[in-house]
């Protein structure tokens, strides 16, 4: 087997490099969550105001995913990865010198737009070119990188914020990303196999879905429903992920405990992502999405009656285990119901919607907290959005042709 062929040893080494890069670059999604209490205290702003940098990060991440994806399509994934490393360094150094919340938020926006976004969607798309028979599990592994970041970075960031302050910590993150990511990017210089797209098309030709009328809908209609579903599930998902550190501080457990819970949540999310890849190969993307969304709703409900320290650890672990496979399921759905040559653009749009949902949910939960004085109403808000996602996916599964695409 040629080293440039899918499933080759090089393909697996390339996947390992992609996971490491995603783990490093994914710091942009989680450091702002851990720094939220310290930033709020220094700038003297409300909880909703302190949540704004996270919102700007995720908006940048959403828009940057499309931009970096197009850059990867044109020049290969090496170019956006190098751009991402440089942007992460610049963004974190700028954040460390911010003198106002607006400056800090703009730096976070840069981190999301040109930094972390380069290490998510483009790497997932690149991985799909290097695997055929094991594409599902390979994509799931690649998608786990940002959750590995969520498991690894929060305790580290919380530790250094506690002993060095958030400014020195942000400067150090920028320098570390630059030094670590550029050498790893060299492993991705080789172009994708020339026949990768042909292999993908060949595999997809066996599916019996009608790409002109997927599920009896126009492609635009199905795309719109997936966008709404992506926003709604991630508004719900963002409540614990964005505010668990602040929530633990309000309960008197301290930010460090909240960072540990976030790490635990995302660590179990890795298990969920890998399991969902295995499950989706057997029951299809829509059913996997429905299963994950229903279980996510159950976990959100558990936050309402349980707020002791040890029960919050347990519920956070369950939340990660239940919801981790939701976002990768959209990639499988796109490949099942849309023409292969449209997959990149359509997946980028859906991923942008999920990130927009995280951004909206992070801000909205903070706003609800400011209005009510507690997170209880914010949890109910997340449950409501989660029910909307379940309703959309359930309706799609009732459509004719939902079984044929995975046959």
Protein backbone atom coordinates (compact mmCIF):
# COMPACT_ATOMS: atom_id res chain seq x y z
CA UNK A 1 0.00 0.00 0.00
CA UNK A 2 1.32 3.43 -0.94
CA UNK A 3 1.98 5.83 1.94
CA UNK A 4 -0.31 8.30 0.16
CA UNK A 5 -3.30 5.97 0.11
CA UNK A 6 -6.24 5.97 2.52
CA UNK A 7 -5.95 3.58 5.47
CA UNK A 8 -2.12 3.58 5.17
CA UNK A 9 0.20 3.82 8.16
CA UNK A 10 0.85 7.43 7.19
CA UNK A 11 -2.88 8.13 7.32
CA UNK A 12 -2.97 7.01 10.96
CA UNK A 13 0.10 9.07 11.85
CA UNK A 14 -1.50 12.03 10.12
CA UNK A 15 -4.65 11.48 12.20
CA UNK A 16 -2.55 11.47 15.38
CA UNK A 17 -0.99 14.80 14.38
CA UNK A 18 -4.45 16.19 13.62
CA UNK A 19 -5.71 15.20 17.08
CA UNK A 20 -2.72 16.84 18.78
CA UNK A 21 -3.19 20.03 16.75
CA UNK A 22 -6.89 20.09 17.54
CA UNK A 23 -6.13 19.60 21.23
CA UNK A 24 -3.64 22.47 21.24
CA UNK A 25 -5.73 24.84 19.15
CA UNK A 26 -8.89 23.99 21.06
CA UNK A 27 -7.62 25.96 24.05
CA UNK A 28 -9.38 28.99 22.54
CA UNK A 29 -12.77 27.45 23.24
CA UNK A 30 -12.15 26.75 26.91
CA UNK A 31 -9.64 29.18 28.41
CA UNK A 32 -12.15 32.03 28.25
CA UNK A 33 -14.61 29.92 30.27
CA UNK A 34 -12.08 29.31 33.03
CA UNK A 35 -10.99 32.96 33.05
CA UNK A 36 -14.59 34.25 33.22
CA UNK A 37 -14.70 34.89 37.02
CA UNK A 38 -11.27 36.57 37.07
CA UNK A 39 -12.07 38.76 34.07
CA UNK A 40 -15.44 39.71 35.56
CA UNK A 41 -13.79 40.72 38.83
CA UNK A 42 -11.00 42.77 37.22
CA UNK A 43 -13.20 44.74 34.85
CA UNK A 44 -16.15 45.02 37.26
CA UNK A 45 -18.85 43.89 34.81
CA UNK A 46 -22.03 41.82 35.04
CA UNK A 47 -22.11 38.07 34.44
CA UNK A 48 -23.67 38.64 31.01
CA UNK A 49 -20.96 41.17 30.21
CA UNK A 50 -18.23 38.75 31.29
CA UNK A 51 -19.82 36.08 29.06
CA UNK A 52 -19.53 38.32 25.99
CA UNK A 53 -15.88 37.40 25.21
CA UNK A 54 -16.95 33.75 25.03
CA UNK A 55 -19.80 34.69 22.70
CA UNK A 56 -17.42 36.61 20.45
CA UNK A 57 -14.98 33.68 20.51
CA UNK A 58 -17.68 31.28 19.33
CA UNK A 59 -19.02 33.68 16.70
CA UNK A 60 -15.47 34.01 15.38
CA UNK A 61 -15.05 30.24 15.53
CA UNK A 62 -18.25 29.76 13.52
CA UNK A 63 -17.33 32.25 10.80
CA UNK A 64 -13.70 31.20 10.79
CA UNK A 65 -14.62 27.57 10.22
CA UNK A 66 -16.09 28.45 6.82
CA UNK A 67 -13.16 30.74 5.96
CA UNK A 68 -10.50 28.23 7.01
CA UNK A 69 -12.37 25.40 5.30
CA UNK A 70 -12.25 27.23 1.98
CA UNK A 71 -8.59 28.00 2.54
CA UNK A 72 -7.91 24.30 3.14
CA UNK A 73 -9.86 23.34 0.00
CA UNK A 74 -7.70 25.67 -2.06
CA UNK A 75 -4.23 25.26 -0.55
CA UNK A 76 -4.40 22.17 1.67
CA UNK A 77 -4.82 21.98 5.42
CA UNK A 78 -1.19 22.97 6.15
CA UNK A 79 -1.83 26.64 5.32
CA UNK A 80 -4.78 27.22 7.69
CA UNK A 81 -2.96 25.38 10.49
CA UNK A 82 0.03 27.70 10.21
CA UNK A 83 -2.32 30.70 10.09
CA UNK A 84 -4.10 29.33 13.15
CA UNK A 85 -0.90 28.98 15.16
CA UNK A 86 0.10 32.56 14.36
CA UNK A 87 -3.39 33.88 15.18
CA UNK A 88 -3.52 32.04 18.51
CA UNK A 89 -0.19 33.54 19.52
CA UNK A 90 -1.24 37.05 18.50
CA UNK A 91 -4.69 36.75 20.09
CA UNK A 92 -3.49 35.51 23.47
CA UNK A 93 -0.71 38.07 23.70
CA UNK A 94 -3.21 40.82 22.83
CA UNK A 95 -5.63 39.47 25.46
CA UNK A 96 -2.91 39.60 28.11
CA UNK A 97 -2.44 43.34 27.48
CA UNK A 98 -6.17 44.22 27.31
CA UNK A 99 -7.12 47.26 29.39
CA UNK A 100 -10.90 46.90 28.98
CA UNK A 101 -13.46 44.17 28.50
CA UNK A 102 -14.03 45.24 24.89
CA UNK A 103 -10.33 44.83 24.08
CA UNK A 104 -10.27 41.44 25.75
CA UNK A 105 -13.40 40.39 23.81
CA UNK A 106 -11.88 41.49 20.48
CA UNK A 107 -8.75 39.46 21.22
CA UNK A 108 -10.97 36.46 21.97
CA UNK A 109 -12.77 37.02 18.69
CA UNK A 110 -9.43 36.87 16.87
CA UNK A 111 -8.55 33.66 18.69
CA UNK A 112 -11.81 32.09 17.51
CA UNK A 113 -11.92 33.54 13.99
CA UNK A 114 -8.42 32.76 12.76
CA UNK A 115 -6.99 30.57 15.52
CA UNK A 116 -9.05 27.74 16.98
CA UNK A 117 -11.34 27.51 13.95
CA UNK A 118 -8.41 26.26 11.85
CA UNK A 119 -7.98 23.25 14.14
CA UNK A 120 -11.53 21.87 14.01
CA UNK A 121 -13.54 21.69 10.78
CA UNK A 122 -10.58 21.73 8.36
CA UNK A 123 -8.88 18.87 10.23
CA UNK A 124 -12.09 16.80 10.28
CA UNK A 125 -12.56 17.35 6.54
CA UNK A 126 -8.91 16.51 5.85
CA UNK A 127 -9.19 13.29 7.87
CA UNK A 128 -12.19 12.15 5.82
CA UNK A 129 -9.98 12.10 2.70
CA UNK A 130 -7.52 9.66 4.25
CA UNK A 131 -9.99 6.97 5.35
CA UNK A 132 -12.68 4.99 3.54
CA UNK A 133 -13.64 1.78 5.35
CA UNK A 134 -12.89 3.30 8.77
CA UNK A 135 -13.99 6.85 7.97
CA UNK A 136 -16.63 6.99 10.71
CA UNK A 137 -14.30 6.15 13.58
CA UNK A 138 -11.48 8.26 12.08
CA UNK A 139 -13.72 11.32 11.86
CA UNK A 140 -14.91 10.69 15.42
CA UNK A 141 -11.31 10.54 16.63
CA UNK A 142 -10.47 13.78 14.81
CA UNK A 143 -13.57 15.46 16.26
CA UNK A 144 -12.47 14.44 19.76
CA UNK A 145 -9.50 16.79 19.66
CA UNK A 146 -11.39 19.83 20.86
CA UNK A 147 -12.87 17.78 23.72
CA UNK A 148 -9.40 16.58 24.62
CA UNK A 149 -8.60 20.27 24.78
CA UNK A 150 -11.56 20.74 27.10
CA UNK A 151 -10.37 17.91 29.33
CA UNK A 152 -6.71 18.95 29.42
CA UNK A 153 -6.68 22.74 29.35
CA UNK A 154 -9.15 23.93 32.06
CA UNK A 155 -7.23 22.55 35.08
CA UNK A 156 -3.95 23.86 33.65
CA UNK A 157 -5.38 27.30 32.91
CA UNK A 158 -7.12 27.46 36.31
CA UNK A 159 -3.84 26.54 38.06
CA UNK A 160 -1.79 29.21 36.33
CA UNK A 161 -4.51 31.86 36.75
CA UNK A 162 -4.48 31.13 40.47
CA UNK A 163 -0.70 31.41 40.88
CA UNK A 164 0.31 33.81 38.07
CA UNK A 165 -2.89 35.72 37.20
CA UNK A 166 -4.95 35.59 34.04
CA UNK A 167 -2.76 38.02 32.07
CA UNK A 168 0.48 36.06 32.43
CA UNK A 169 -1.43 32.86 31.77
CA UNK A 170 -2.82 34.15 28.47
CA UNK A 171 0.62 35.33 27.36
CA UNK A 172 2.06 31.89 28.17
CA UNK A 173 -0.68 30.06 26.24
CA UNK A 174 0.04 32.12 23.12
CA UNK A 175 3.77 31.40 23.26
CA UNK A 176 3.23 27.68 23.90
CA UNK A 177 0.79 27.26 21.00
CA UNK A 178 3.20 28.91 18.58
CA UNK A 179 6.14 26.74 19.60
CA UNK A 180 4.18 23.46 19.70
CA UNK A 181 1.87 23.79 16.68
CA UNK A 182 4.25 24.86 13.92
CA UNK A 183 6.38 21.68 14.02
CA UNK A 184 3.25 19.49 14.09
CA UNK A 185 1.86 21.32 11.07
CA UNK A 186 4.76 19.97 9.01
CA UNK A 187 3.21 16.48 9.25
CA UNK A 188 0.25 17.72 7.19
CA UNK A 189 2.11 19.13 4.20
CA UNK A 190 1.44 16.10 1.97
CA UNK A 191 -1.63 16.69 -0.26
CA UNK A 192 -4.68 14.45 0.05
CA UNK A 193 -4.77 11.32 -2.15
CA UNK A 194 -5.73 12.20 -5.71
CA UNK A 195 -8.41 9.51 -5.72
CA UNK A 196 -9.88 10.38 -2.31
CA UNK A 197 -12.90 12.17 -3.75
CA UNK A 198 -13.45 9.32 -6.18
CA UNK A 199 -13.42 6.82 -3.33
CA UNK A 200 -15.91 8.89 -1.37
CA UNK A 201 -18.20 9.12 -4.37
CA UNK A 202 -17.95 5.39 -4.93
CA UNK A 203 -18.94 4.64 -1.37
CA UNK A 204 -21.82 7.08 -1.46
CA UNK A 205 -23.17 5.58 -4.67
CA UNK A 206 -24.31 2.58 -2.66
CA UNK A 207 -26.69 4.70 -0.61
CA UNK A 208 -30.23 4.74 -1.88
CA UNK A 209 -31.13 8.24 -0.69
CA UNK A 210 -32.44 10.65 -3.30
CA UNK A 211 -30.03 13.58 -3.11
CA UNK A 212 -32.43 15.78 -5.09
CA UNK A 213 -35.26 15.23 -2.56
CA UNK A 214 -33.64 14.08 0.71
CA UNK A 215 -36.34 12.85 3.08
CA UNK A 216 -38.89 14.17 0.61
CA UNK A 217 -37.65 17.73 1.15
CA UNK A 218 -35.67 20.12 -0.98
CA UNK A 219 -31.95 20.20 -0.07
CA UNK A 220 -32.38 23.81 1.08
CA UNK A 221 -35.26 22.86 3.38
CA UNK A 222 -33.35 19.99 4.95
CA UNK A 223 -30.29 22.20 5.34
CA UNK A 224 -32.40 24.85 7.09
CA UNK A 225 -33.87 22.31 9.51
CA UNK A 226 -30.41 20.98 10.34
CA UNK A 227 -29.23 24.54 10.98
CA UNK A 228 -32.12 25.17 13.40
CA UNK A 229 -31.48 21.81 15.06
CA UNK A 230 -27.78 22.64 15.38
CA UNK A 231 -28.48 25.99 17.01
CA UNK A 232 -31.04 24.57 19.44
CA UNK A 233 -29.02 21.59 20.66
CA UNK A 234 -25.96 23.76 21.27
CA UNK A 235 -27.84 26.53 23.08
CA UNK A 236 -28.81 23.75 25.49
CA UNK A 237 -25.30 22.29 25.52
CA UNK A 238 -23.66 25.62 26.32
CA UNK A 239 -25.37 26.12 29.68
CA UNK A 240 -23.22 23.67 31.68
CA UNK A 241 -20.14 24.00 29.48
CA UNK A 242 -19.89 27.79 29.65
CA UNK A 243 -21.20 28.44 33.16
CA UNK A 244 -20.20 25.43 35.27
CA UNK A 245 -17.12 27.27 36.62
CA UNK A 246 -19.13 30.36 37.58
CA UNK A 247 -21.98 28.15 38.91
CA UNK A 248 -19.59 26.36 41.28
CA UNK A 249 -18.25 29.72 42.43
CA UNK A 250 -21.78 30.91 43.23
CA UNK A 251 -22.45 27.72 45.22
CA UNK A 252 -19.30 28.30 47.26
CA UNK A 253 -17.25 25.43 45.85
CA UNK A 254 -14.72 27.65 44.06
CA UNK A 255 -13.67 28.11 40.45
CA UNK A 256 -11.07 25.33 40.66
CA UNK A 257 -13.82 22.77 41.39
CA UNK A 258 -15.79 24.06 38.44
CA UNK A 259 -12.75 23.73 36.18
CA UNK A 260 -12.37 20.12 37.34
CA UNK A 261 -16.01 19.44 36.51
CA UNK A 262 -15.59 20.99 33.07
CA UNK A 263 -12.54 18.80 32.49
CA UNK A 264 -14.46 15.73 33.65
CA UNK A 265 -17.42 16.64 31.45
CA UNK A 266 -15.32 16.97 28.34
CA UNK A 267 -13.23 13.92 29.15
CA UNK A 268 -16.39 11.81 29.15
CA UNK A 269 -17.38 13.69 26.00
CA UNK A 270 -14.42 12.08 24.26
CA UNK A 271 -15.77 8.63 25.15
CA UNK A 272 -19.17 9.74 23.85
CA UNK A 273 -17.75 10.93 20.54
CA UNK A 274 -15.91 7.68 19.89
CA UNK A 275 -18.95 5.62 20.87
CA UNK A 276 -21.23 7.71 18.67
CA UNK A 277 -18.98 7.05 15.67
CA UNK A 278 -19.35 3.32 16.26
CA UNK A 279 -23.11 3.63 16.83
CA UNK A 280 -23.76 5.81 13.79
CA UNK A 281 -22.14 3.22 11.53
CA UNK A 282 -24.89 0.86 12.66
CA UNK A 283 -28.04 2.96 13.09
CA UNK A 284 -27.32 6.09 11.01
CA UNK A 285 -26.69 9.71 11.84
CA UNK A 286 -30.27 10.82 12.54
CA UNK A 287 -30.92 8.10 15.10
CA UNK A 288 -27.58 8.74 16.76
CA UNK A 289 -28.41 12.45 16.96
CA UNK A 290 -31.84 11.73 18.47
CA UNK A 291 -30.32 9.41 21.07
CA UNK A 292 -27.69 11.97 22.08
CA UNK A 293 -30.17 14.84 22.22
CA UNK A 294 -32.66 12.94 24.38
CA UNK A 295 -29.92 11.91 26.81
CA UNK A 296 -28.59 15.48 26.92
CA UNK A 297 -32.06 16.61 28.00
CA UNK A 298 -32.04 14.06 30.80
CA UNK A 299 -28.68 15.32 32.04
CA UNK A 300 -29.88 18.94 32.03
CA UNK A 301 -32.86 17.91 34.12
CA UNK A 302 -30.52 16.29 36.66
CA UNK A 303 -28.81 19.63 37.32
CA UNK A 304 -32.05 21.00 38.79
CA UNK A 305 -32.46 18.79 41.90
CA UNK A 306 -28.77 18.03 42.51
CA UNK A 307 -26.31 20.76 43.48
CA UNK A 308 -24.12 19.21 46.16
CA UNK A 309 -20.43 18.95 45.29
CA UNK A 310 -20.21 15.23 44.62
CA UNK A 311 -23.53 15.06 42.75
CA UNK A 312 -22.38 17.90 40.47
CA UNK A 313 -19.29 15.85 39.61
CA UNK A 314 -21.51 12.88 38.76
CA UNK A 315 -24.04 14.89 36.73
CA UNK A 316 -21.25 16.69 34.85
CA UNK A 317 -19.70 13.35 33.93
CA UNK A 318 -23.10 12.09 32.73
CA UNK A 319 -23.68 15.27 30.75
CA UNK A 320 -20.38 14.78 28.93
CA UNK A 321 -21.11 11.11 28.30
CA UNK A 322 -24.57 11.89 26.91
CA UNK A 323 -23.90 14.91 24.68
CA UNK A 324 -20.42 14.36 23.24
CA UNK A 325 -21.62 12.54 20.14
CA UNK A 326 -24.20 15.13 19.08
CA UNK A 327 -22.05 17.40 16.89
CA UNK A 328 -20.22 14.60 15.01
CA UNK A 329 -23.62 13.10 14.16
CA UNK A 330 -24.31 16.07 11.91
CA UNK A 331 -21.29 15.12 9.78
CA UNK A 332 -22.74 11.65 9.25
CA UNK A 333 -26.18 13.08 8.42
CA UNK A 334 -24.72 15.40 5.80
CA UNK A 335 -22.87 12.51 4.15
CA UNK A 336 -26.05 10.37 4.16
CA UNK A 337 -28.55 12.86 2.73
CA UNK A 338 -26.58 15.27 0.53
CA UNK A 339 -24.54 14.77 -2.62
CA UNK A 340 -20.86 14.06 -1.85
CA UNK A 341 -19.61 17.06 -3.82
CA UNK A 342 -21.72 19.35 -1.58
CA UNK A 343 -20.65 17.79 1.72
CA UNK A 344 -17.90 20.25 2.59
CA UNK A 345 -19.97 23.39 2.19
CA UNK A 346 -23.07 21.91 3.83
CA UNK A 347 -21.15 20.49 6.78
CA UNK A 348 -19.41 23.82 7.27
CA UNK A 349 -22.78 25.56 7.40
CA UNK A 350 -24.20 23.12 9.96
CA UNK A 351 -21.08 23.31 12.12
CA UNK A 352 -21.31 27.10 11.96
CA UNK A 353 -24.88 26.80 13.27
CA UNK A 354 -23.81 24.61 16.20
CA UNK A 355 -21.11 27.10 17.13
CA UNK A 356 -23.57 29.97 16.81
CA UNK A 357 -25.80 28.05 19.22
CA UNK A 358 -22.94 27.79 21.70
CA UNK A 359 -22.30 31.51 21.38
CA UNK A 360 -25.99 32.40 21.81
CA UNK A 361 -26.44 30.01 24.69
CA UNK A 362 -23.36 31.22 26.54
CA UNK A 363 -24.58 34.82 26.44
CA UNK A 364 -28.25 33.99 27.02
CA UNK A 365 -27.54 31.96 30.16
CA UNK A 366 -25.55 34.84 31.61
CA UNK A 367 -28.36 37.27 30.78
CA UNK A 368 -30.94 35.02 32.45
CA UNK A 369 -28.69 34.77 35.51
CA UNK A 370 -28.48 38.55 35.75
CA UNK A 371 -32.27 38.84 35.49
CA UNK A 372 -33.15 36.09 37.99
CA UNK A 373 -30.13 35.92 40.29
CA UNK A 374 -29.66 32.17 39.80
CA UNK A 375 -28.98 29.57 37.12
CA UNK A 376 -32.20 27.61 37.68
CA UNK A 377 -34.12 29.48 34.97
CA UNK A 378 -31.12 29.15 32.65
CA UNK A 379 -31.26 25.37 32.99
CA UNK A 380 -34.98 25.44 32.12
CA UNK A 381 -34.14 27.59 29.10
CA UNK A 382 -31.61 24.98 27.95
CA UNK A 383 -34.15 22.19 28.38
CA UNK A 384 -36.64 24.08 26.20
CA UNK A 385 -34.11 24.50 23.37
CA UNK A 386 -33.19 20.83 23.70
CA UNK A 387 -36.83 19.83 23.22
CA UNK A 388 -36.90 21.82 19.97
CA UNK A 389 -33.93 19.82 18.71
CA UNK A 390 -35.57 16.52 19.67
CA UNK A 391 -38.79 17.54 17.89
CA UNK A 392 -36.96 18.39 14.64
CA UNK A 393 -34.95 15.17 14.56
CA UNK A 394 -37.99 13.06 15.47
CA UNK A 395 -39.97 14.66 12.64
CA UNK A 396 -37.15 14.00 10.17
CA UNK A 397 -37.02 10.37 11.22
CA UNK A 398 -40.73 10.07 10.45
CA UNK A 399 -40.13 11.27 6.89
CA UNK A 400 -40.08 8.76 4.01
CA UNK A 401 -36.58 7.69 3.08
CA UNK A 402 -35.03 8.11 6.53
CA UNK A 403 -34.18 4.41 6.58
CA UNK A 404 -32.99 4.14 3.00
CA UNK A 405 -30.05 6.52 3.29
CA UNK A 406 -28.37 4.22 5.81
CA UNK A 407 -29.40 0.94 4.17
